[in-house]
Structure formats: C-alpha cells, structure tokens
Amino acid sequence: MYLNGERVAEDNSQALMLYSRACDTGSAAGCSSIGLVYQKGFGVQKDKGKARQFFSKGCEMDNQWGCDKLKKM
C-alpha cells in the first residue's frame, strides 16, 4: 500500500521497512518485493545486484513471482 500510495500516502521508505521486516520473518513475497524496490529504484538507488539477490531469495522460498522477475533480468 505504501509503495503504490493505495489508501495511504505513498512512502517508499516505509514500504521498504515493512518488506524487510516481512522478509526477515520468512515471507517470500516480502523478499521478492524488496527486489522490485531495488529493480525500479523506489526510494533507493537502482541496484540490479540487490534486486537479483532478493528475487532469488523469494524464489528459493517458492514465490513464483520472484522467480519470474529473476528470469526477466
């Protein structure tokens, strides 16, 4: 919601913090979402290496969306 400004004000740093917390607690979707943040540069400098790292982590945890994003890089 924070990343897209849906029903709340857009706040990329808040989105990244929540995705990080989710990823750290085992959420594959959270890890893949961090990959998107770094791939697109939402509130951070674009970083393909970090994007791959987080898409890979999400993919390894069975998040198909993360696997698909990783294949397209």
N, C-alpha and C. Protein backbone atom coordinates (compact mmCIF):
# COMPACT_ATOMS: atom_id res chain seq x y z
N MET A 1 0.82 -1.18 0.00
CA MET A 1 0.00 0.00 0.00
C MET A 1 0.87 1.26 0.00
N TYR A 2 1.94 1.25 0.80
CA TYR A 2 2.81 2.42 0.85
C TYR A 2 3.57 2.63 -0.46
N LEU A 3 3.93 1.53 -1.11
CA LEU A 3 4.69 1.65 -2.35
C LEU A 3 3.87 2.29 -3.46
N ASN A 4 2.58 1.95 -3.51
CA ASN A 4 1.72 2.46 -4.58
C ASN A 4 0.84 3.62 -4.14
N GLY A 5 0.86 3.97 -2.86
CA GLY A 5 0.01 5.04 -2.38
C GLY A 5 -1.47 4.66 -2.40
N GLU A 6 -1.75 3.37 -2.15
CA GLU A 6 -3.13 2.90 -2.13
C GLU A 6 -3.71 3.06 -0.73
N ARG A 7 -4.70 3.92 -0.58
CA ARG A 7 -5.40 4.19 0.68
C ARG A 7 -4.52 4.83 1.76
N VAL A 8 -3.25 5.04 1.46
CA VAL A 8 -2.32 5.75 2.36
C VAL A 8 -1.41 6.60 1.48
N ALA A 9 -0.76 7.56 2.08
CA ALA A 9 0.18 8.38 1.33
C ALA A 9 1.37 7.51 0.90
N GLU A 10 1.82 7.71 -0.32
CA GLU A 10 2.98 6.95 -0.82
C GLU A 10 4.20 7.23 0.07
N ASP A 11 4.86 6.18 0.49
CA ASP A 11 6.02 6.31 1.36
C ASP A 11 6.94 5.12 1.09
N ASN A 12 7.88 5.31 0.17
CA ASN A 12 8.76 4.23 -0.24
C ASN A 12 9.64 3.70 0.89
N SER A 13 10.09 4.57 1.78
CA SER A 13 10.93 4.11 2.88
C SER A 13 10.13 3.24 3.85
N GLN A 14 8.88 3.59 4.08
CA GLN A 14 8.01 2.77 4.94
C GLN A 14 7.74 1.42 4.27
N ALA A 15 7.51 1.43 2.97
CA ALA A 15 7.28 0.18 2.24
C ALA A 15 8.50 -0.73 2.35
N LEU A 16 9.68 -0.18 2.14
CA LEU A 16 10.91 -0.97 2.22
C LEU A 16 11.10 -1.53 3.62
N MET A 17 10.83 -0.74 4.63
CA MET A 17 10.97 -1.21 6.01
C MET A 17 10.02 -2.38 6.29
N LEU A 18 8.78 -2.26 5.83
CA LEU A 18 7.82 -3.34 6.06
C LEU A 18 8.16 -4.58 5.25
N TYR A 19 8.60 -4.40 4.00
CA TYR A 19 9.03 -5.56 3.20
C TYR A 19 10.23 -6.24 3.86
N SER A 20 11.15 -5.45 4.39
CA SER A 20 12.33 -6.02 5.05
C SER A 20 11.93 -6.82 6.28
N ARG A 21 11.04 -6.28 7.05
CA ARG A 21 10.56 -6.99 8.25
C ARG A 21 9.88 -8.30 7.83
N ALA A 22 9.07 -8.25 6.80
CA ALA A 22 8.39 -9.45 6.32
C ALA A 22 9.39 -10.48 5.81
N CYS A 23 10.36 -10.04 5.04
CA CYS A 23 11.38 -10.93 4.50
C CYS A 23 12.18 -11.57 5.63
N ASP A 24 12.55 -10.77 6.61
CA ASP A 24 13.33 -11.28 7.75
C ASP A 24 12.58 -12.33 8.56
N THR A 25 11.25 -12.29 8.51
CA THR A 25 10.46 -13.26 9.26
C THR A 25 9.96 -14.41 8.39
N GLY A 26 10.50 -14.50 7.16
CA GLY A 26 10.21 -15.66 6.33
C GLY A 26 9.18 -15.49 5.23
N SER A 27 8.82 -14.26 4.91
CA SER A 27 7.84 -14.03 3.85
C SER A 27 8.54 -13.97 2.49
N ALA A 28 8.27 -14.96 1.65
CA ALA A 28 8.86 -14.99 0.31
C ALA A 28 8.41 -13.78 -0.51
N ALA A 29 7.14 -13.42 -0.40
CA ALA A 29 6.63 -12.26 -1.14
C ALA A 29 7.31 -10.97 -0.67
N GLY A 30 7.58 -10.87 0.63
CA GLY A 30 8.29 -9.70 1.14
C GLY A 30 9.68 -9.59 0.53
N CYS A 31 10.39 -10.71 0.44
CA CYS A 31 11.73 -10.71 -0.15
C CYS A 31 11.67 -10.30 -1.62
N SER A 32 10.74 -10.89 -2.37
CA SER A 32 10.61 -10.55 -3.79
C SER A 32 10.24 -9.09 -3.97
N SER A 33 9.41 -8.56 -3.08
CA SER A 33 9.02 -7.15 -3.17
C SER A 33 10.20 -6.22 -2.95
N ILE A 34 11.13 -6.61 -2.08
CA ILE A 34 12.35 -5.81 -1.91
C ILE A 34 13.12 -5.79 -3.23
N GLY A 35 13.14 -6.93 -3.91
CA GLY A 35 13.78 -6.99 -5.22
C GLY A 35 13.21 -5.96 -6.17
N LEU A 36 11.89 -5.83 -6.17
CA LEU A 36 11.23 -4.85 -7.03
C LEU A 36 11.64 -3.43 -6.65
N VAL A 37 11.73 -3.15 -5.36
CA VAL A 37 12.13 -1.83 -4.90
C VAL A 37 13.50 -1.47 -5.48
N TYR A 38 14.44 -2.40 -5.41
CA TYR A 38 15.79 -2.13 -5.94
C TYR A 38 15.83 -2.16 -7.46
N GLN A 39 15.02 -2.98 -8.08
CA GLN A 39 15.00 -3.02 -9.54
C GLN A 39 14.49 -1.70 -10.12
N LYS A 40 13.44 -1.17 -9.52
CA LYS A 40 12.81 0.04 -10.04
C LYS A 40 13.35 1.33 -9.42
N GLY A 41 14.07 1.22 -8.31
CA GLY A 41 14.59 2.41 -7.66
C GLY A 41 13.53 3.20 -6.91
N PHE A 42 12.61 2.49 -6.26
CA PHE A 42 11.57 3.15 -5.47
C PHE A 42 12.15 3.63 -4.15
N GLY A 43 12.57 4.87 -4.09
CA GLY A 43 13.10 5.45 -2.87
C GLY A 43 14.54 5.07 -2.56
N VAL A 44 15.14 4.29 -3.42
CA VAL A 44 16.54 3.87 -3.27
C VAL A 44 17.19 3.97 -4.65
N GLN A 45 18.51 3.93 -4.66
CA GLN A 45 19.21 3.91 -5.94
C GLN A 45 18.99 2.53 -6.58
N LYS A 46 18.72 2.51 -7.88
CA LYS A 46 18.56 1.24 -8.58
C LYS A 46 19.81 0.40 -8.38
N ASP A 47 19.59 -0.88 -8.12
CA ASP A 47 20.71 -1.78 -7.87
C ASP A 47 20.31 -3.18 -8.35
N LYS A 48 20.77 -3.54 -9.55
CA LYS A 48 20.41 -4.83 -10.13
C LYS A 48 20.92 -6.00 -9.30
N GLY A 49 22.08 -5.83 -8.67
CA GLY A 49 22.64 -6.89 -7.85
C GLY A 49 21.75 -7.19 -6.65
N LYS A 50 21.32 -6.14 -5.96
CA LYS A 50 20.43 -6.33 -4.81
C LYS A 50 19.07 -6.85 -5.27
N ALA A 51 18.59 -6.36 -6.41
CA ALA A 51 17.32 -6.85 -6.93
C ALA A 51 17.40 -8.36 -7.17
N ARG A 52 18.46 -8.80 -7.84
CA ARG A 52 18.64 -10.24 -8.08
C ARG A 52 18.71 -11.02 -6.77
N GLN A 53 19.44 -10.48 -5.81
CA GLN A 53 19.60 -11.13 -4.51
C GLN A 53 18.24 -11.39 -3.86
N PHE A 54 17.38 -10.38 -3.83
CA PHE A 54 16.10 -10.53 -3.17
C PHE A 54 15.09 -11.31 -4.00
N PHE A 55 15.13 -11.17 -5.34
CA PHE A 55 14.28 -12.02 -6.17
C PHE A 55 14.68 -13.49 -5.98
N SER A 56 15.98 -13.74 -5.92
CA SER A 56 16.47 -15.11 -5.71
C SER A 56 16.01 -15.66 -4.37
N LYS A 57 16.10 -14.84 -3.34
CA LYS A 57 15.68 -15.29 -2.01
C LYS A 57 14.18 -15.62 -2.01
N GLY A 58 13.40 -14.76 -2.61
CA GLY A 58 11.96 -15.01 -2.70
C GLY A 58 11.67 -16.26 -3.51
N CYS A 59 12.38 -16.43 -4.61
CA CYS A 59 12.21 -17.60 -5.47
C CYS A 59 12.56 -18.88 -4.72
N GLU A 60 13.67 -18.85 -3.98
CA GLU A 60 14.08 -20.03 -3.20
C GLU A 60 13.05 -20.41 -2.15
N MET A 61 12.24 -19.43 -1.76
CA MET A 61 11.20 -19.67 -0.76
C MET A 61 9.85 -19.94 -1.45
N ASP A 62 9.89 -20.27 -2.73
CA ASP A 62 8.72 -20.66 -3.53
C ASP A 62 7.78 -19.52 -3.90
N ASN A 63 8.30 -18.33 -4.08
CA ASN A 63 7.49 -17.23 -4.57
C ASN A 63 7.67 -17.17 -6.09
N GLN A 64 6.69 -17.65 -6.83
CA GLN A 64 6.79 -17.74 -8.28
C GLN A 64 6.99 -16.38 -8.93
N TRP A 65 6.34 -15.35 -8.40
CA TRP A 65 6.50 -14.00 -8.94
C TRP A 65 7.96 -13.58 -8.89
N GLY A 66 8.64 -13.87 -7.77
CA GLY A 66 10.05 -13.56 -7.64
C GLY A 66 10.89 -14.32 -8.67
N CYS A 67 10.54 -15.60 -8.89
CA CYS A 67 11.25 -16.41 -9.89
C CYS A 67 11.05 -15.81 -11.28
N ASP A 68 9.84 -15.41 -11.58
CA ASP A 68 9.55 -14.81 -12.89
C ASP A 68 10.32 -13.51 -13.10
N LYS A 69 10.37 -12.67 -12.07
CA LYS A 69 11.10 -11.41 -12.17
C LYS A 69 12.59 -11.67 -12.35
N LEU A 70 13.11 -12.67 -11.64
CA LEU A 70 14.52 -13.02 -11.74
C LEU A 70 14.87 -13.48 -13.15
N LYS A 71 14.02 -14.29 -13.76
CA LYS A 71 14.26 -14.79 -15.12
C LYS A 71 14.30 -13.67 -16.15
N LYS A 72 13.54 -12.61 -15.91
CA LYS A 72 13.46 -11.50 -16.86
C LYS A 72 14.64 -10.54 -16.75
N MET A 73 15.45 -10.69 -15.71
CA MET A 73 16.57 -9.77 -15.52
C MET A 73 17.74 -10.16 -16.42
